[in-house]
Amino acid sequence: MNPWFTQIPATHWLIRHYTGSVALFKKILVVCVGNICRSPTAEMLLRNALASSSITVTSAGLSARVGEAMEPAARQVLEAHGHSAEAFKARQITPDIVNESDLILVMEKQHVSQVLKIASHARGKVFLLGKWQSEREIQDPYRQGKAAFIHAHALIEDAVCSWAQRLGH
């Protein structure tokens, strides 16, 4: 088990800060490359899974297509599973966004180092979304056809369920 996590009576997961103090996750950031496929899908699914909590979930991209809506195939798959992303607009990750986040979930191992280049002090709060699936990476479905989006959605949904369970929801 990761030394940054501590489970308390079956309802909450906490992060242990370098000061030794313990705080609940309040803000979760999900990151991918363009912020139009994987991270907005995970954002919507995790937000829905944590709806009964006070945790906020947002997303951003390492090379975001700023201001764009979700990629149409990603949006179609999301909507086919009962979720809406009408108001979504892609945004670029910044040091301020990293600083405001308590937990940062990325899709690929290389994204961890890219986030740390933006804000090196974020070490310890950046994890793969697929952490609980044996550190599974979720590959980018962009421009790979609808089947790739369906597959990515299934992997994201599985990972989101694991995180929501560990966050007490």
Protein backbone atom coordinates (compact mmCIF):
# COMPACT_ATOMS: atom_id res chain seq x y z
CA MET A 1 0.00 0.00 0.00
CA ASN A 2 1.15 3.53 -0.76
CA PRO A 3 2.45 5.28 2.38
CA TRP A 4 0.55 8.44 1.40
CA PHE A 5 -2.81 6.78 2.03
CA THR A 6 -4.36 5.82 5.33
CA GLN A 7 -7.74 4.16 5.69
CA ILE A 8 -9.90 5.22 8.59
CA PRO A 9 -13.06 3.42 9.67
CA ALA A 10 -14.31 2.16 6.30
CA THR A 11 -15.68 5.49 5.14
CA HIS A 12 -12.85 7.81 4.14
CA TRP A 13 -9.43 7.69 2.51
CA LEU A 14 -7.05 10.35 3.63
CA ILE A 15 -3.81 11.71 2.29
CA ARG A 16 -0.93 12.16 4.68
CA HIS A 17 0.89 15.41 3.92
CA TYR A 18 4.64 15.78 4.38
CA THR A 19 3.92 17.72 7.59
CA GLY A 20 2.34 14.61 9.08
CA SER A 21 -1.09 16.20 9.17
CA VAL A 22 -4.01 14.39 7.58
CA ALA A 23 -6.56 15.99 5.25
CA LEU A 24 -9.50 14.78 3.22
CA PHE A 25 -9.34 15.07 -0.54
CA LYS A 26 -11.41 18.08 -1.54
CA LYS A 27 -10.28 18.71 -5.13
CA ILE A 28 -9.45 16.03 -7.68
CA LEU A 29 -7.93 16.83 -11.07
CA VAL A 30 -7.96 14.36 -13.97
CA VAL A 31 -5.33 14.85 -16.68
CA CYS A 32 -4.72 13.57 -20.20
CA VAL A 33 -3.16 15.18 -23.28
CA GLY A 34 -5.82 17.17 -25.16
CA ASN A 35 -8.52 17.26 -22.47
CA ILE A 36 -11.16 16.30 -25.03
CA CYS A 37 -11.41 12.48 -24.68
CA ARG A 38 -10.14 10.58 -21.63
CA SER A 39 -9.89 13.19 -18.88
CA PRO A 40 -13.35 14.73 -19.46
CA THR A 41 -14.82 11.21 -19.54
CA ALA A 42 -13.14 10.41 -16.23
CA GLU A 43 -14.13 13.81 -14.83
CA MET A 44 -17.82 13.23 -15.59
CA LEU A 45 -17.81 9.64 -14.32
CA LEU A 46 -15.89 10.45 -11.12
CA ARG A 47 -18.00 13.54 -10.44
CA ASN A 48 -21.11 11.38 -10.77
CA ALA A 49 -19.65 8.64 -8.53
CA LEU A 50 -18.75 11.22 -5.86
CA ALA A 51 -21.94 13.29 -6.19
CA SER A 52 -22.95 12.68 -2.58
CA SER A 53 -19.63 14.05 -1.28
CA SER A 54 -18.14 17.53 -1.09
CA ILE A 55 -15.29 16.51 -3.42
CA THR A 56 -14.98 18.54 -6.62
CA VAL A 57 -13.66 16.94 -9.79
CA THR A 58 -12.20 18.83 -12.75
CA SER A 59 -9.92 18.01 -15.66
CA ALA A 60 -7.20 19.60 -17.76
CA GLY A 61 -4.82 18.70 -20.56
CA LEU A 62 -1.05 18.67 -20.89
CA SER A 63 -1.43 19.99 -24.46
CA ALA A 64 -5.07 20.94 -24.22
CA ARG A 65 -7.22 21.92 -27.14
CA VAL A 66 -8.32 24.91 -25.08
CA GLY A 67 -11.97 25.89 -25.41
CA GLU A 68 -12.98 22.85 -27.46
CA ALA A 69 -15.88 20.60 -26.57
CA MET A 70 -15.38 16.87 -26.05
CA GLU A 71 -14.32 14.85 -29.07
CA PRO A 72 -17.62 13.73 -30.70
CA ALA A 73 -16.99 9.96 -30.39
CA ALA A 74 -16.00 10.31 -26.71
CA ARG A 75 -19.10 12.40 -26.06
CA GLN A 76 -21.36 9.88 -27.85
CA VAL A 77 -20.03 7.00 -25.75
CA LEU A 78 -20.40 9.05 -22.56
CA GLU A 79 -23.96 10.04 -23.47
CA ALA A 80 -24.82 6.44 -24.39
CA HIS A 81 -23.99 5.61 -20.76
CA GLY A 82 -26.33 8.32 -19.45
CA HIS A 83 -23.93 11.22 -18.84
CA SER A 84 -23.98 14.70 -20.34
CA ALA A 85 -20.98 16.79 -21.30
CA GLU A 86 -22.74 19.64 -23.10
CA ALA A 87 -21.07 22.48 -21.20
CA PHE A 88 -17.59 20.96 -21.19
CA LYS A 89 -14.69 23.04 -22.55
CA ALA A 90 -11.08 21.85 -22.60
CA ARG A 91 -8.49 23.71 -20.51
CA GLN A 92 -4.72 23.68 -20.17
CA ILE A 93 -3.12 22.46 -16.97
CA THR A 94 -1.21 25.19 -15.11
CA PRO A 95 0.87 25.35 -11.94
CA ASP A 96 -2.08 27.04 -10.21
CA ILE A 97 -4.45 24.23 -11.16
CA VAL A 98 -1.93 21.68 -9.86
CA ASN A 99 -1.50 23.65 -6.62
CA GLU A 100 -5.26 23.77 -6.02
CA SER A 101 -5.63 20.00 -6.46
CA ASP A 102 -5.35 17.48 -3.63
CA LEU A 103 -5.22 14.45 -5.92
CA ILE A 104 -4.19 14.33 -9.59
CA LEU A 105 -5.12 11.31 -11.67
CA VAL A 106 -3.39 10.76 -15.02
CA MET A 107 -3.91 8.29 -17.84
CA GLU A 108 -0.33 7.25 -18.66
CA LYS A 109 2.91 6.87 -16.71
CA GLN A 110 4.60 9.55 -18.82
CA HIS A 111 1.91 12.00 -17.69
CA VAL A 112 3.18 11.76 -14.11
CA SER A 113 6.56 13.19 -15.09
CA GLN A 114 4.92 15.81 -17.30
CA VAL A 115 2.78 17.03 -14.40
CA LEU A 116 5.86 17.10 -12.17
CA LYS A 117 7.68 19.26 -14.75
CA ILE A 118 4.87 21.79 -14.33
CA ALA A 119 4.93 21.60 -10.53
CA SER A 120 7.66 19.43 -8.98
CA HIS A 121 6.18 19.81 -5.51
CA ALA A 122 3.13 17.79 -6.67
CA ARG A 123 5.07 14.55 -6.14
CA GLY A 124 3.01 12.32 -3.88
CA LYS A 125 -0.35 13.49 -5.15
CA VAL A 126 -0.09 12.34 -8.80
CA PHE A 127 -1.25 8.80 -9.58
CA LEU A 128 -2.44 6.77 -12.51
CA LEU A 129 -6.21 6.62 -12.82
CA GLY A 130 -5.63 2.88 -13.29
CA LYS A 131 -3.57 2.60 -10.09
CA TRP A 132 -5.89 0.02 -8.54
CA GLN A 133 -5.87 -2.07 -11.74
CA SER A 134 -2.18 -2.96 -11.41
CA GLU A 135 -1.00 0.49 -12.53
CA ARG A 136 -2.93 0.16 -15.80
CA GLU A 137 -2.42 2.89 -18.38
CA ILE A 138 -5.36 4.07 -20.45
CA GLN A 139 -4.22 4.75 -23.99
CA ASP A 140 -5.49 7.67 -26.04
CA PRO A 141 -8.38 6.68 -28.34
CA TYR A 142 -8.17 9.92 -30.34
CA ARG A 143 -8.53 9.31 -34.10
CA GLN A 144 -8.74 5.53 -33.60
CA GLY A 145 -12.43 4.89 -34.26
CA LYS A 146 -15.45 4.34 -32.06
CA ALA A 147 -14.32 0.92 -30.79
CA ALA A 148 -11.24 2.56 -29.20
CA PHE A 149 -13.50 5.07 -27.42
CA ILE A 150 -15.77 2.32 -26.15
CA HIS A 151 -12.73 0.43 -24.84
CA ALA A 152 -11.24 3.54 -23.21
CA HIS A 153 -14.59 4.34 -21.58
CA ALA A 154 -14.78 0.83 -20.10
CA LEU A 155 -11.25 1.12 -18.66
CA ILE A 156 -11.97 4.59 -17.29
CA GLU A 157 -15.24 3.44 -15.73
CA ASP A 158 -13.50 0.52 -14.03
CA ALA A 159 -10.76 2.78 -12.65
CA VAL A 160 -13.24 5.43 -11.50
CA CYS A 161 -15.25 2.79 -9.60
CA SER A 162 -12.07 1.73 -7.78
CA TRP A 163 -11.14 5.28 -6.83
CA ALA A 164 -14.70 6.13 -5.71
CA GLN A 165 -14.77 3.00 -3.55
CA ARG A 166 -11.48 3.96 -1.93
CA LEU A 167 -12.63 7.52 -1.41
CA GLY A 168 -15.59 6.17 0.56
CA HIS A 169 -18.37 6.45 -2.00
